[in-house]
Each structure stands twice: as C-alpha cells, then as structure tokens.
PDB file of N, CA and C in Angstrom:
ATOM      1  N   UNK A   1       2.801   5.294  18.566  1.00  0.00           N
ATOM      2  CA  UNK A   1       1.482   4.862  18.469  1.00  0.00           C
ATOM      3  C   UNK A   1       1.419   3.337  18.185  1.00  0.00           C
ATOM      4  N   UNK A   2       0.535   2.617  18.824  1.00  0.00           N
ATOM      5  CA  UNK A   2       0.409   1.241  18.632  1.00  0.00           C
ATOM      6  C   UNK A   2      -0.133   0.906  17.192  1.00  0.00           C
ATOM      7  N   UNK A   3       0.509  -0.053  16.528  1.00  0.00           N
ATOM      8  CA  UNK A   3       0.220  -0.332  15.221  1.00  0.00           C
ATOM      9  C   UNK A   3       0.392  -1.811  14.891  1.00  0.00           C
ATOM     10  N   UNK A   4      -0.418  -2.381  14.075  1.00  0.00           N
ATOM     11  CA  UNK A   4      -0.236  -3.831  13.664  1.00  0.00           C
ATOM     12  C   UNK A   4       0.837  -3.818  12.559  1.00  0.00           C
ATOM     13  N   UNK A   5       1.872  -4.628  12.691  1.00  0.00           N
ATOM     14  CA  UNK A   5       2.956  -4.701  11.757  1.00  0.00           C
ATOM     15  C   UNK A   5       2.524  -5.352  10.466  1.00  0.00           C
ATOM     16  N   UNK A   6       1.356  -6.034  10.407  1.00  0.00           N
ATOM     17  CA  UNK A   6       1.016  -6.707   9.242  1.00  0.00           C
ATOM     18  C   UNK A   6       0.059  -5.861   8.425  1.00  0.00           C
ATOM     19  N   UNK A   7      -1.043  -5.413   8.940  1.00  0.00           N
ATOM     20  CA  UNK A   7      -1.989  -4.667   8.127  1.00  0.00           C
ATOM     21  C   UNK A   7      -1.914  -3.143   8.370  1.00  0.00           C
ATOM     22  N   UNK A   8      -1.198  -2.680   9.412  1.00  0.00           N
ATOM     23  CA  UNK A   8      -1.069  -1.230   9.686  1.00  0.00           C
ATOM     24  C   UNK A   8      -2.250  -0.654  10.408  1.00  0.00           C
ATOM     25  N   UNK A   9      -3.053  -1.521  11.117  1.00  0.00           N
ATOM     26  CA  UNK A   9      -4.211  -0.952  11.804  1.00  0.00           C
ATOM     27  C   UNK A   9      -3.742  -0.134  13.006  1.00  0.00           C
ATOM     28  N   UNK A  10      -4.289   1.008  13.144  1.00  0.00           N
ATOM     29  CA  UNK A  10      -3.953   1.899  14.317  1.00  0.00           C
ATOM     30  C   UNK A  10      -5.190   2.369  15.037  1.00  0.00           C
ATOM     31  N   UNK A  11      -4.956   3.268  15.998  1.00  0.00           N
ATOM     32  CA  UNK A  11      -5.999   3.853  16.783  1.00  0.00           C
ATOM     33  C   UNK A  11      -6.923   4.706  15.924  1.00  0.00           C
ATOM     34  N   UNK A  12      -8.256   4.656  16.148  1.00  0.00           N
ATOM     35  CA  UNK A  12      -9.222   5.568  15.455  1.00  0.00           C
ATOM     36  C   UNK A  12      -9.822   6.395  16.502  1.00  0.00           C
ATOM     37  N   UNK A  13     -10.194   7.586  16.174  1.00  0.00           N
ATOM     38  CA  UNK A  13     -10.799   8.544  17.110  1.00  0.00           C
ATOM     39  C   UNK A  13     -12.129   8.941  16.667  1.00  0.00           C
ATOM     40  N   UNK A  14     -12.939   9.398  17.592  1.00  0.00           N
ATOM     41  CA  UNK A  14     -14.297   9.859  17.352  1.00  0.00           C
ATOM     42  C   UNK A  14     -14.864  10.530  18.551  1.00  0.00           C
ATOM     43  N   UNK A  15     -16.222  10.559  18.589  1.00  0.00           N
ATOM     44  CA  UNK A  15     -16.875  11.158  19.657  1.00  0.00           C
ATOM     45  C   UNK A  15     -17.801  10.193  20.416  1.00  0.00           C
ATOM     46  N   UNK A  16     -17.764  10.280  21.707  1.00  0.00           N
ATOM     47  CA  UNK A  16     -18.706   9.521  22.568  1.00  0.00           C
ATOM     48  C   UNK A  16     -19.872  10.436  22.763  1.00  0.00           C
ATOM     49  N   UNK A  17     -21.114  10.033  22.473  1.00  0.00           N
ATOM     50  CA  UNK A  17     -22.245  10.886  22.504  1.00  0.00           C
ATOM     51  C   UNK A  17     -23.204  10.363  23.578  1.00  0.00           C
ATOM     52  N   UNK A  18     -23.484  11.161  24.614  1.00  0.00           N
ATOM     53  CA  UNK A  18     -24.292  10.822  25.673  1.00  0.00           C
ATOM     54  C   UNK A  18     -25.740  10.947  25.297  1.00  0.00           C
ATOM     55  N   UNK A  19     -26.642  10.540  26.207  1.00  0.00           N
ATOM     56  CA  UNK A  19     -28.155  10.649  25.950  1.00  0.00           C
ATOM     57  C   UNK A  19     -28.562  12.120  25.809  1.00  0.00           C
ATOM     58  N   UNK A  20     -27.849  13.002  26.530  1.00  0.00           N
ATOM     59  CA  UNK A  20     -28.230  14.442  26.421  1.00  0.00           C
ATOM     60  C   UNK A  20     -27.453  15.141  25.302  1.00  0.00           C
ATOM     61  N   UNK A  21     -26.716  14.241  24.373  1.00  0.00           N
ATOM     62  CA  UNK A  21     -26.035  14.735  23.259  1.00  0.00           C
ATOM     63  C   UNK A  21     -24.782  15.557  23.561  1.00  0.00           C
ATOM     64  N   UNK A  22     -24.204  15.327  24.791  1.00  0.00           N
ATOM     65  CA  UNK A  22     -22.897  15.909  25.133  1.00  0.00           C
ATOM     66  C   UNK A  22     -21.783  15.105  24.559  1.00  0.00           C
ATOM     67  N   UNK A  23     -20.950  15.708  23.761  1.00  0.00           N
ATOM     68  CA  UNK A  23     -19.977  14.922  22.948  1.00  0.00           C
ATOM     69  C   UNK A  23     -18.627  15.100  23.619  1.00  0.00           C
ATOM     70  N   UNK A  24     -17.884  13.998  23.791  1.00  0.00           N
ATOM     71  CA  UNK A  24     -16.501  13.973  24.255  1.00  0.00           C
ATOM     72  C   UNK A  24     -15.679  13.093  23.365  1.00  0.00           C
ATOM     73  N   UNK A  25     -14.390  13.374  23.270  1.00  0.00           N
ATOM     74  CA  UNK A  25     -13.500  12.614  22.421  1.00  0.00           C
ATOM     75  C   UNK A  25     -13.266  11.244  23.045  1.00  0.00           C
ATOM     76  N   UNK A  26     -13.074  10.234  22.230  1.00  0.00           N
ATOM     77  CA  UNK A  26     -12.731   8.934  22.619  1.00  0.00           C
ATOM     78  C   UNK A  26     -11.976   8.213  21.530  1.00  0.00           C
ATOM     79  N   UNK A  27     -11.353   7.085  21.916  1.00  0.00           N
ATOM     80  CA  UNK A  27     -10.492   6.317  20.913  1.00  0.00           C
ATOM     81  C   UNK A  27     -10.999   4.881  20.891  1.00  0.00           C
ATOM     82  N   UNK A  28     -10.853   4.362  19.683  1.00  0.00           N
ATOM     83  CA  UNK A  28     -11.042   2.866  19.447  1.00  0.00           C
ATOM     84  C   UNK A  28      -9.650   2.260  19.167  1.00  0.00           C
ATOM     85  N   UNK A  29      -9.219   1.357  20.091  1.00  0.00           N
ATOM     86  CA  UNK A  29      -7.871   0.772  19.926  1.00  0.00           C
ATOM     87  C   UNK A  29      -7.965  -0.638  19.400  1.00  0.00           C
ATOM     88  N   UNK A  30      -7.018  -0.941  18.468  1.00  0.00           N
ATOM     89  CA  UNK A  30      -7.031  -2.323  17.972  1.00  0.00           C
ATOM     90  C   UNK A  30      -6.574  -3.321  19.078  1.00  0.00           C
ATOM     91  N   UNK A  31      -7.052  -4.512  18.973  1.00  0.00           N
ATOM     92  CA  UNK A  31      -6.677  -5.562  19.898  1.00  0.00           C
ATOM     93  C   UNK A  31      -5.289  -6.147  19.339  1.00  0.00           C
ATOM     94  N   UNK A  32      -4.205  -5.612  19.824  1.00  0.00           N
ATOM     95  CA  UNK A  32      -2.861  -6.008  19.412  1.00  0.00           C
ATOM     96  C   UNK A  32      -2.251  -7.054  20.356  1.00  0.00           C
ATOM     97  N   UNK A  33      -1.581  -8.058  19.763  1.00  0.00           N
ATOM     98  CA  UNK A  33      -0.897  -9.052  20.583  1.00  0.00           C
ATOM     99  C   UNK A  33       0.548  -9.140  20.073  1.00  0.00           C
ATOM    100  N   UNK A  34       1.504  -9.333  21.079  1.00  0.00           N
ATOM    101  CA  UNK A  34       2.849  -9.605  20.692  1.00  0.00           C
ATOM    102  C   UNK A  34       3.040 -11.103  20.561  1.00  0.00           C
ATOM    103  N   UNK A  35       3.460 -11.585  19.379  1.00  0.00           N
ATOM    104  CA  UNK A  35       3.583 -12.972  19.108  1.00  0.00           C
ATOM    105  C   UNK A  35       4.913 -13.224  18.402  1.00  0.00           C
ATOM    106  N   UNK A  36       5.382 -14.509  18.585  1.00  0.00           N
ATOM    107  CA  UNK A  36       6.572 -14.940  17.846  1.00  0.00           C
ATOM    108  C   UNK A  36       6.140 -15.449  16.517  1.00  0.00           C
ATOM    109  N   UNK A  37       6.628 -14.845  15.483  1.00  0.00           N
ATOM    110  CA  UNK A  37       6.235 -15.193  14.141  1.00  0.00           C
ATOM    111  C   UNK A  37       7.460 -15.408  13.181  1.00  0.00           C
ATOM    112  N   UNK A  38       7.286 -16.101  12.085  1.00  0.00           N
ATOM    113  CA  UNK A  38       8.373 -16.389  11.214  1.00  0.00           C
ATOM    114  C   UNK A  38       8.311 -15.198  10.173  1.00  0.00           C
ATOM    115  N   UNK A  39       9.478 -14.414  10.159  1.00  0.00           N
ATOM    116  CA  UNK A  39       9.543 -13.370   9.218  1.00  0.00           C
ATOM    117  C   UNK A  39      10.906 -13.594   8.416  1.00  0.00           C
ATOM    118  N   UNK A  40      10.742 -13.683   7.158  1.00  0.00           N
ATOM    119  CA  UNK A  40      11.952 -13.958   6.259  1.00  0.00           C
ATOM    120  C   UNK A  40      12.599 -15.267   6.725  1.00  0.00           C
ATOM    121  N   UNK A  41      11.965 -16.249   7.196  1.00  0.00           N
ATOM    122  CA  UNK A  41      12.645 -17.448   7.529  1.00  0.00           C
ATOM    123  C   UNK A  41      13.202 -17.532   8.931  1.00  0.00           C
ATOM    124  N   UNK A  42      13.115 -16.416   9.740  1.00  0.00           N
ATOM    125  CA  UNK A  42      13.640 -16.422  11.033  1.00  0.00           C
ATOM    126  C   UNK A  42      12.526 -16.039  12.014  1.00  0.00           C
ATOM    127  N   UNK A  43      12.572 -16.620  13.217  1.00  0.00           N
ATOM    128  CA  UNK A  43      11.538 -16.243  14.228  1.00  0.00           C
ATOM    129  C   UNK A  43      11.846 -14.816  14.846  1.00  0.00           C
ATOM    130  N   UNK A  44      10.724 -14.090  14.909  1.00  0.00           N
ATOM    131  CA  UNK A  44      10.896 -12.634  15.429  1.00  0.00           C
ATOM    132  C   UNK A  44       9.652 -12.280  16.140  1.00  0.00           C
ATOM    133  N   UNK A  45       9.777 -11.398  17.146  1.00  0.00           N
ATOM    134  CA  UNK A  45       8.589 -10.881  17.861  1.00  0.00           C
ATOM    135  C   UNK A  45       7.961  -9.815  17.050  1.00  0.00           C
ATOM    136  N   UNK A  46       6.582  -9.924  16.712  1.00  0.00           N
ATOM    137  CA  UNK A  46       5.938  -8.894  16.007  1.00  0.00           C
ATOM    138  C   UNK A  46       4.632  -8.595  16.750  1.00  0.00           C
ATOM    139  N   UNK A  47       4.100  -7.325  16.482  1.00  0.00           N
ATOM    140  CA  UNK A  47       2.890  -6.879  17.050  1.00  0.00           C
ATOM    141  C   UNK A  47       1.883  -7.084  15.953  1.00  0.00           C
ATOM    142  N   UNK A  48       0.858  -7.912  16.264  1.00  0.00           N
ATOM    143  CA  UNK A  48      -0.187  -8.131  15.204  1.00  0.00           C
ATOM    144  C   UNK A  48      -1.580  -7.998  15.819  1.00  0.00           C
ATOM    145  N   UNK A  49      -2.522  -7.526  15.046  1.00  0.00           N
ATOM    146  CA  UNK A  49      -3.889  -7.535  15.544  1.00  0.00           C
ATOM    147  C   UNK A  49      -4.518  -8.858  15.522  1.00  0.00           C
ATOM    148  N   UNK A  50      -5.546  -9.139  16.262  1.00  0.00           N
ATOM    149  CA  UNK A  50      -6.121 -10.487  16.371  1.00  0.00           C
ATOM    150  C   UNK A  50      -6.788 -10.849  15.014  1.00  0.00           C
ATOM    151  N   UNK A  51      -7.246  -9.906  14.216  1.00  0.00           N
ATOM    152  CA  UNK A  51      -7.897 -10.208  12.962  1.00  0.00           C
ATOM    153  C   UNK A  51      -6.846 -10.826  12.063  1.00  0.00           C
ATOM    154  N   UNK A  52      -5.571 -10.339  12.028  1.00  0.00           N
ATOM    155  CA  UNK A  52      -4.527 -10.870  11.282  1.00  0.00           C
ATOM    156  C   UNK A  52      -4.166 -12.252  11.736  1.00  0.00           C
ATOM    157  N   UNK A  53      -4.189 -12.433  13.103  1.00  0.00           N
ATOM    158  CA  UNK A  53      -3.822 -13.741  13.689  1.00  0.00           C
ATOM    159  C   UNK A  53      -4.909 -14.847  13.211  1.00  0.00           C
ATOM    160  N   UNK A  54      -6.183 -14.445  13.384  1.00  0.00           N
ATOM    161  CA  UNK A  54      -7.249 -15.276  13.032  1.00  0.00           C
ATOM    162  C   UNK A  54      -7.335 -15.651  11.511  1.00  0.00           C
ATOM    163  N   UNK A  55      -7.039 -14.712  10.688  1.00  0.00           N
ATOM    164  CA  UNK A  55      -7.196 -14.970   9.306  1.00  0.00           C
ATOM    165  C   UNK A  55      -5.988 -15.668   8.723  1.00  0.00           C
ATOM    166  N   UNK A  56      -4.934 -15.922   9.508  1.00  0.00           N
ATOM    167  CA  UNK A  56      -3.824 -16.700   8.955  1.00  0.00           C
ATOM    168  C   UNK A  56      -2.700 -15.844   8.292  1.00  0.00           C
ATOM    169  N   UNK A  57      -2.794 -14.553   8.441  1.00  0.00           N
ATOM    170  CA  UNK A  57      -1.734 -13.687   7.742  1.00  0.00           C
ATOM    171  C   UNK A  57      -0.396 -13.830   8.461  1.00  0.00           C
ATOM    172  N   UNK A  58      -0.385 -14.329   9.701  1.00  0.00           N
ATOM    173  CA  UNK A  58       0.776 -14.428  10.497  1.00  0.00           C
ATOM    174  C   UNK A  58       1.168 -15.886  10.680  1.00  0.00           C
ATOM    175  N   UNK A  59       2.365 -16.294  10.246  1.00  0.00           N
ATOM    176  CA  UNK A  59       2.787 -17.700  10.512  1.00  0.00           C
ATOM    177  C   UNK A  59       3.556 -17.717  11.810  1.00  0.00           C
ATOM    178  N   UNK A  60       2.981 -18.362  12.847  1.00  0.00           N
ATOM    179  CA  UNK A  60       3.555 -18.300  14.138  1.00  0.00           C
ATOM    180  C   UNK A  60       4.777 -19.263  14.235  1.00  0.00           C
ATOM    181  N   UNK A  61       5.768 -18.889  15.085  1.00  0.00           N
ATOM    182  CA  UNK A  61       6.939 -19.683  15.276  1.00  0.00           C
ATOM    183  C   UNK A  61       6.663 -20.567  16.398  1.00  0.00           C
ATOM    184  N   UNK A  62       7.325 -21.714  16.443  1.00  0.00           N
ATOM    185  CA  UNK A  62       7.193 -22.598  17.532  1.00  0.00           C
ATOM    186  C   UNK A  62       8.256 -22.410  18.644  1.00  0.00           C
TER     187      UNK A  62
END
C-alpha cells in the first residue's frame, strides 16, 4: 500500500453516493511524490506526501 514515509498517510476508503443514493465503494489516495531527501546525513529516495513537502518536514537533497 502506498504510504508517506514521513507522516504515514495512506489510502482512506468510503462511499461514493449518487443523486439517487446508490452507494459504491471508493478510495481517497494521498498525493505522493518520490523525492531525493537527506536522511541521517545521506541523500536517499523517499516517498513523501505533498503536505510534508510544503510544510518543510522533508529536507531535499541537491
């Protein structure tokens, strides 16, 4: 399962409800990006959600 390595955000599930109230299962997936980040002083590829990238929780490697 896709998961943010910083905050642990994963897929959430629920129901899609039509106008006639027919319910079908659906998923909300996090916006995950693979980025080069500094982890323990060394550059490494990590999977991070865009919220962690925007908030500065990930220090990107050059």
